[in-house]
Amino acid sequence: MFWELSMKSFDEFIKKLIKLPRKSLDNSREVLTKREQIKAQIEGLRKSLNNALIKKNEIKKTYEVFYLNRDKVNNNQNFTFTIDVTKQKKFKLKSGEHATNCAECYKTCCYPCRVPFFISNFTARGCSCISLGRCTVCGCSCSEHKRVSYRIDDVIETKEQTAEEVRKRYNEGKEGMASAETTLKKLREDYYEIIMKCYEKQEKIREYNNILSSIALNNKIDSSNDYLDLLIEKEKKEQRPGYLKLVNGYRKLKQANEIIEDIMRKSSSKKSREEVKAELERGMSELKQ
């Protein structure tokens, strides 16, 4: 009896299966490849966003120190202060795990890499981060990429910096030493430029994620701040070294995003990138004038 019921159910399943529209296996393979490529691009952009965020905090700290020591800067006096920077480090992977790293820019472009060893030993073209002979994450040639048993990740470290180093960097190619106001002005320009770049990276990630949601079962992201909320939850869960600084940075980026989107929403015509950046600077009061 149970056998007959099972066979009857199986027959019904086969009849419904036959009626389903046929899909090419080539198309399915193409979707899977595209999905892996987009995931690699999103991860690459996420790392780039984190680096930009640390750079933003570095510029803010430098600005504050120079603002409080304007007299010393104007008198060309040297002094030392500490800043947070990102440093690339190697992390050995578990047995059987591999990553595709770029030798040109010294970064991990794909992890975990699932390309079989007998293929990756000769070429990196099979990796999901490679398309048309170039890496979709870093832009370098596929010939610069190797499948290895370690990944390269960024860690936050504290380092000492001198006022003289900053002055030289912002006064490169010019005669004489930069005044405090000149250096502060350039730091302000860099600060708001990097906020704009952070916003653009988030928008690109949102765009890629929503493409992914159309070909996979990912949730759609409606705004840049939705994505930052996901990153905040991820950092809180993983609690890697320096995660609290990243969480705090993401929250401040959310405030900047709201100002940028408010500027765009209230404008009757499309504003240029420079116009948005100028209004952003006027709308934020993070740096003393």
Protein backbone atom coordinates (compact mmCIF):
# COMPACT_ATOMS: atom_id res chain seq x y z
CA MET A 1 0.00 0.00 0.00
CA PHE A 2 2.77 2.41 1.00
CA TRP A 3 4.69 1.41 -2.12
CA GLU A 4 1.70 2.21 -4.36
CA LEU A 5 1.17 5.59 -2.67
CA SER A 6 4.86 6.45 -3.04
CA MET A 7 4.88 5.50 -6.72
CA LYS A 8 1.71 7.48 -7.35
CA SER A 9 3.29 10.59 -5.72
CA PHE A 10 6.43 10.04 -7.76
CA ASP A 11 4.39 9.82 -10.99
CA GLU A 12 2.66 13.09 -10.11
CA PHE A 13 6.04 14.70 -9.48
CA ILE A 14 7.37 13.53 -12.88
CA LYS A 15 4.27 14.84 -14.68
CA LYS A 16 4.70 18.30 -13.10
CA LEU A 17 8.43 18.24 -13.76
CA ILE A 18 7.88 17.58 -17.47
CA LYS A 19 5.61 20.63 -17.71
CA LEU A 20 8.20 22.99 -16.24
CA PRO A 21 9.95 25.26 -18.79
CA ARG A 22 13.38 23.97 -19.79
CA LYS A 23 16.44 26.06 -18.91
CA SER A 24 19.84 25.81 -20.51
CA LEU A 25 22.61 24.46 -18.27
CA ASP A 26 24.90 26.98 -19.94
CA ASN A 27 22.66 29.80 -18.69
CA SER A 28 22.64 28.34 -15.18
CA ARG A 29 26.43 28.11 -15.22
CA GLU A 30 26.62 31.70 -16.47
CA VAL A 31 24.41 32.89 -13.59
CA LEU A 32 26.58 31.09 -11.03
CA THR A 33 29.75 32.58 -12.53
CA LYS A 34 28.22 36.06 -12.58
CA ARG A 35 27.09 35.67 -8.98
CA GLU A 36 30.60 34.73 -7.80
CA GLN A 37 32.11 37.64 -9.77
CA ILE A 38 29.74 40.15 -8.16
CA LYS A 39 30.37 38.73 -4.68
CA ALA A 40 34.13 39.16 -5.24
CA GLN A 41 33.58 42.76 -6.40
CA ILE A 42 31.41 43.56 -3.36
CA GLU A 43 34.04 42.17 -0.98
CA GLY A 44 36.76 44.17 -2.75
CA LEU A 45 34.69 47.36 -2.43
CA ARG A 46 33.97 46.63 1.23
CA LYS A 47 37.70 46.45 1.99
CA SER A 48 38.28 49.61 -0.01
CA LEU A 49 35.50 51.35 1.94
CA ASN A 50 37.09 50.33 5.26
CA ASN A 51 40.47 51.68 4.14
CA ALA A 52 38.85 54.97 3.09
CA LEU A 53 37.09 55.15 6.45
CA ILE A 54 40.37 54.77 8.37
CA LYS A 55 41.96 57.38 6.09
CA LYS A 56 39.07 59.75 6.84
CA ASN A 57 39.66 59.32 10.57
CA GLU A 58 43.39 59.85 10.09
CA ILE A 59 42.78 63.14 8.26
CA LYS A 60 40.30 64.28 10.94
CA LYS A 61 42.80 63.53 13.74
CA THR A 62 45.62 65.33 11.85
CA TYR A 63 43.35 68.32 11.25
CA GLU A 64 42.42 68.57 14.93
CA VAL A 65 46.07 68.34 16.05
CA PHE A 66 47.18 71.01 13.55
CA TYR A 67 44.26 73.27 14.49
CA LEU A 68 45.19 73.12 18.19
CA ASN A 69 48.88 73.69 17.39
CA ARG A 70 48.54 76.44 14.77
CA ASP A 71 51.23 78.62 16.38
CA LYS A 72 53.75 75.79 16.37
CA VAL A 73 52.96 74.99 12.72
CA ASN A 74 53.37 78.64 11.68
CA ASN A 75 56.73 78.78 13.48
CA ASN A 76 57.86 75.56 11.75
CA GLN A 77 58.17 73.76 15.08
CA ASN A 78 58.09 69.99 14.90
CA PHE A 79 55.99 67.79 17.21
CA THR A 80 54.73 64.20 17.27
CA PHE A 81 51.23 62.74 17.50
CA THR A 82 49.62 59.33 16.99
CA ILE A 83 47.17 58.24 14.28
CA ASP A 84 45.42 55.01 13.28
CA VAL A 85 46.49 53.53 9.94
CA THR A 86 45.75 50.33 8.03
CA LYS A 87 48.54 47.85 7.46
CA GLN A 88 48.42 44.77 5.23
CA LYS A 89 49.18 41.45 6.91
CA LYS A 90 49.30 37.82 5.81
CA PHE A 91 46.96 35.31 7.44
CA LYS A 92 47.58 31.59 6.93
CA LEU A 93 44.46 29.73 5.81
CA LYS A 94 43.07 26.44 7.06
CA SER A 95 44.10 23.26 5.30
CA GLY A 96 42.24 22.99 1.99
CA GLU A 97 41.42 26.72 1.82
CA HIS A 98 42.93 29.01 -0.82
CA ALA A 99 42.82 32.66 -1.87
CA THR A 100 43.64 34.46 -5.12
CA ASN A 101 46.14 37.25 -4.40
CA CYS A 102 47.49 40.00 -6.63
CA ALA A 103 51.28 40.36 -6.60
CA GLU A 104 51.09 43.84 -8.18
CA CYS A 105 49.00 45.59 -5.51
CA TYR A 106 49.56 43.03 -2.74
CA LYS A 107 45.94 42.28 -1.87
CA THR A 108 43.52 39.37 -1.75
CA CYS A 109 41.02 39.64 -4.59
CA CYS A 110 39.11 36.40 -4.04
CA TYR A 111 38.59 34.38 -0.86
CA PRO A 112 37.78 31.58 -0.64
CA CYS A 113 38.91 30.63 -4.14
CA ARG A 114 37.20 27.47 -5.37
CA VAL A 115 39.17 26.94 -8.58
CA PRO A 116 40.65 23.41 -8.66
CA PHE A 117 44.42 23.27 -8.10
CA PHE A 118 45.14 21.53 -11.41
CA ILE A 119 43.68 24.58 -13.20
CA SER A 120 44.90 27.38 -10.93
CA ASN A 121 48.44 25.98 -11.03
CA PHE A 122 48.65 27.13 -14.66
CA THR A 123 46.32 30.14 -14.87
CA ALA A 124 44.15 32.39 -12.67
CA ARG A 125 41.57 32.84 -15.46
CA GLY A 126 39.16 30.38 -13.85
CA CYS A 127 38.84 32.45 -10.67
CA SER A 128 35.56 34.31 -10.14
CA CYS A 129 37.39 37.65 -9.79
CA ILE A 130 38.88 37.36 -13.31
CA SER A 131 37.00 38.49 -16.42
CA LEU A 132 38.40 39.10 -19.91
CA GLY A 133 41.95 38.65 -18.68
CA ARG A 134 41.75 41.25 -15.87
CA CYS A 135 40.76 41.28 -12.23
CA THR A 136 37.35 42.86 -11.58
CA VAL A 137 38.41 43.73 -8.01
CA CYS A 138 41.80 45.44 -8.40
CA GLY A 139 41.98 45.93 -12.19
CA CYS A 140 45.38 44.24 -12.65
CA SER A 141 46.18 41.58 -15.27
CA CYS A 142 45.26 37.98 -14.48
CA SER A 143 48.98 37.10 -14.91
CA GLU A 144 49.67 38.98 -11.65
CA HIS A 145 47.30 36.73 -9.71
CA LYS A 146 48.17 33.49 -7.93
CA ARG A 147 46.18 30.97 -5.91
CA VAL A 148 47.90 30.63 -2.52
CA SER A 149 47.32 29.26 1.01
CA TYR A 150 47.21 32.67 2.71
CA ARG A 151 45.09 35.79 2.44
CA ILE A 152 46.11 39.42 2.82
CA ASP A 153 43.89 41.52 5.05
CA ASP A 154 44.06 45.01 6.53
CA VAL A 155 44.53 45.53 10.25
CA ILE A 156 44.33 48.81 12.18
CA GLU A 157 47.55 49.90 13.88
CA THR A 158 48.62 53.02 15.75
CA LYS A 159 51.71 54.86 14.53
CA GLU A 160 53.53 58.06 15.35
CA GLN A 161 53.59 60.89 12.83
CA THR A 162 55.46 64.19 12.93
CA ALA A 163 54.15 67.61 11.96
CA GLU A 164 57.08 67.94 9.58
CA GLU A 165 56.00 64.81 7.67
CA VAL A 166 52.50 66.25 7.24
CA ARG A 167 53.79 69.67 6.14
CA LYS A 168 56.08 68.09 3.55
CA ARG A 169 53.25 65.93 2.20
CA TYR A 170 50.90 68.89 1.78
CA ASN A 171 53.57 71.27 0.56
CA GLU A 172 55.27 68.96 -1.92
CA GLY A 173 56.79 70.74 -4.94
CA LYS A 174 56.37 74.23 -3.44
CA GLU A 175 58.95 76.61 -2.02
CA GLY A 176 58.95 77.36 1.70
CA MET A 177 56.93 75.71 4.44
CA ALA A 178 53.14 75.60 4.37
CA SER A 179 51.33 77.80 6.87
CA ALA A 180 48.86 76.30 9.34
CA GLU A 181 45.88 77.72 7.42
CA THR A 182 47.15 76.37 4.07
CA THR A 183 47.64 72.88 5.52
CA LEU A 184 44.26 72.96 7.30
CA LYS A 185 42.54 74.00 4.07
CA LYS A 186 44.11 71.07 2.18
CA LEU A 187 43.20 68.67 4.98
CA ARG A 188 39.57 69.91 4.82
CA GLU A 189 39.52 69.33 1.04
CA ASP A 190 40.87 65.80 1.48
CA TYR A 191 38.40 65.06 4.27
CA TYR A 192 35.27 65.92 2.30
CA GLU A 193 36.66 64.32 -0.85
CA ILE A 194 37.07 61.03 1.00
CA ILE A 195 33.50 61.25 2.38
CA MET A 196 32.26 61.59 -1.21
CA LYS A 197 34.35 58.57 -2.24
CA CYS A 198 32.93 56.55 0.65
CA TYR A 199 29.40 57.43 -0.46
CA GLU A 200 30.19 56.45 -4.07
CA LYS A 201 31.65 53.10 -2.95
CA GLN A 202 28.53 52.39 -0.90
CA GLU A 203 26.29 53.21 -3.86
CA LYS A 204 28.35 50.89 -6.07
CA ILE A 205 28.05 48.10 -3.48
CA ARG A 206 24.28 48.67 -3.30
CA GLU A 207 24.09 48.50 -7.09
CA TYR A 208 26.06 45.23 -7.22
CA ASN A 209 24.07 43.72 -4.34
CA ASN A 210 20.78 44.48 -6.06
CA ILE A 211 22.04 42.86 -9.27
CA LEU A 212 22.93 39.88 -7.11
CA SER A 213 19.42 39.85 -5.60
CA SER A 214 17.94 39.59 -9.09
CA ILE A 215 19.94 36.44 -9.95
CA ALA A 216 20.21 34.89 -6.47
CA LEU A 217 18.19 34.95 -3.26
CA ASN A 218 19.91 37.91 -1.63
CA ASN A 219 17.87 40.62 0.06
CA LYS A 220 17.62 43.89 -1.82
CA ILE A 221 19.34 46.93 -0.28
CA ASP A 222 17.32 50.14 -0.64
CA SER A 223 19.91 52.68 0.54
CA SER A 224 23.58 53.14 1.42
CA ASN A 225 22.63 53.38 5.10
CA ASP A 226 20.89 49.98 4.91
CA TYR A 227 24.22 48.56 3.77
CA LEU A 228 26.10 50.32 6.60
CA ASP A 229 23.62 48.80 9.08
CA LEU A 230 24.56 45.36 7.75
CA LEU A 231 28.28 46.17 8.13
CA ILE A 232 27.72 47.39 11.71
CA GLU A 233 25.98 44.13 12.62
CA LYS A 234 28.74 42.12 10.90
CA GLU A 235 31.52 43.92 12.80
CA LYS A 236 29.68 43.56 16.13
CA LYS A 237 29.26 39.84 15.53
CA GLU A 238 32.86 39.15 14.43
CA GLN A 239 34.51 41.59 16.90
CA ARG A 240 37.83 41.69 15.07
CA PRO A 241 40.61 43.96 16.43
CA GLY A 242 39.62 47.60 15.84
CA TYR A 243 35.96 46.78 15.18
CA LEU A 244 34.65 49.50 17.54
CA LYS A 245 36.47 52.18 15.53
CA LEU A 246 34.93 50.84 12.32
CA VAL A 247 31.44 50.75 13.87
CA ASN A 248 31.82 54.35 15.04
CA GLY A 249 33.08 55.33 11.58
CA TYR A 250 30.11 53.63 9.87
CA ARG A 251 27.71 55.57 12.10
CA LYS A 252 29.34 58.87 11.17
CA LEU A 253 29.20 57.90 7.50
CA LYS A 254 25.46 57.34 7.90
CA GLN A 255 25.11 60.97 9.03
CA ALA A 256 27.12 62.16 6.01
CA ASN A 257 25.01 59.96 3.70
CA GLU A 258 21.82 61.56 5.01
CA ILE A 259 23.18 65.04 4.28
CA ILE A 260 24.33 64.03 0.76
CA GLU A 261 20.98 62.41 -0.07
CA ASP A 262 19.09 65.38 1.39
CA ILE A 263 21.11 67.75 -0.84
CA MET A 264 20.27 65.65 -3.91
CA ARG A 265 16.61 65.28 -2.97
CA LYS A 266 16.04 69.02 -2.41
CA SER A 267 17.77 70.08 -5.62
CA SER A 268 15.44 70.88 -8.52
CA SER A 269 18.17 69.92 -11.00
CA LYS A 270 20.97 67.38 -10.91
CA LYS A 271 23.98 68.79 -9.07
CA SER A 272 27.57 68.10 -10.05
CA ARG A 273 29.81 66.11 -7.75
CA GLU A 274 31.74 69.25 -6.78
CA GLU A 275 28.51 71.14 -5.97
CA VAL A 276 27.34 68.30 -3.71
CA LYS A 277 30.74 68.19 -1.99
CA ALA A 278 30.68 71.98 -1.41
CA GLU A 279 27.20 71.81 0.14
CA LEU A 280 28.25 68.80 2.21
CA GLU A 281 31.12 70.82 3.68
CA ARG A 282 28.74 73.67 4.53
CA GLY A 283 26.20 71.25 6.00
CA MET A 284 28.65 69.38 8.25
CA SER A 285 30.42 70.88 11.25
CA GLU A 286 32.90 68.10 11.99
CA LEU A 287 35.96 70.25 11.23
CA LYS A 288 36.62 73.61 12.88
CA GLN A 289 36.98 76.54 10.48
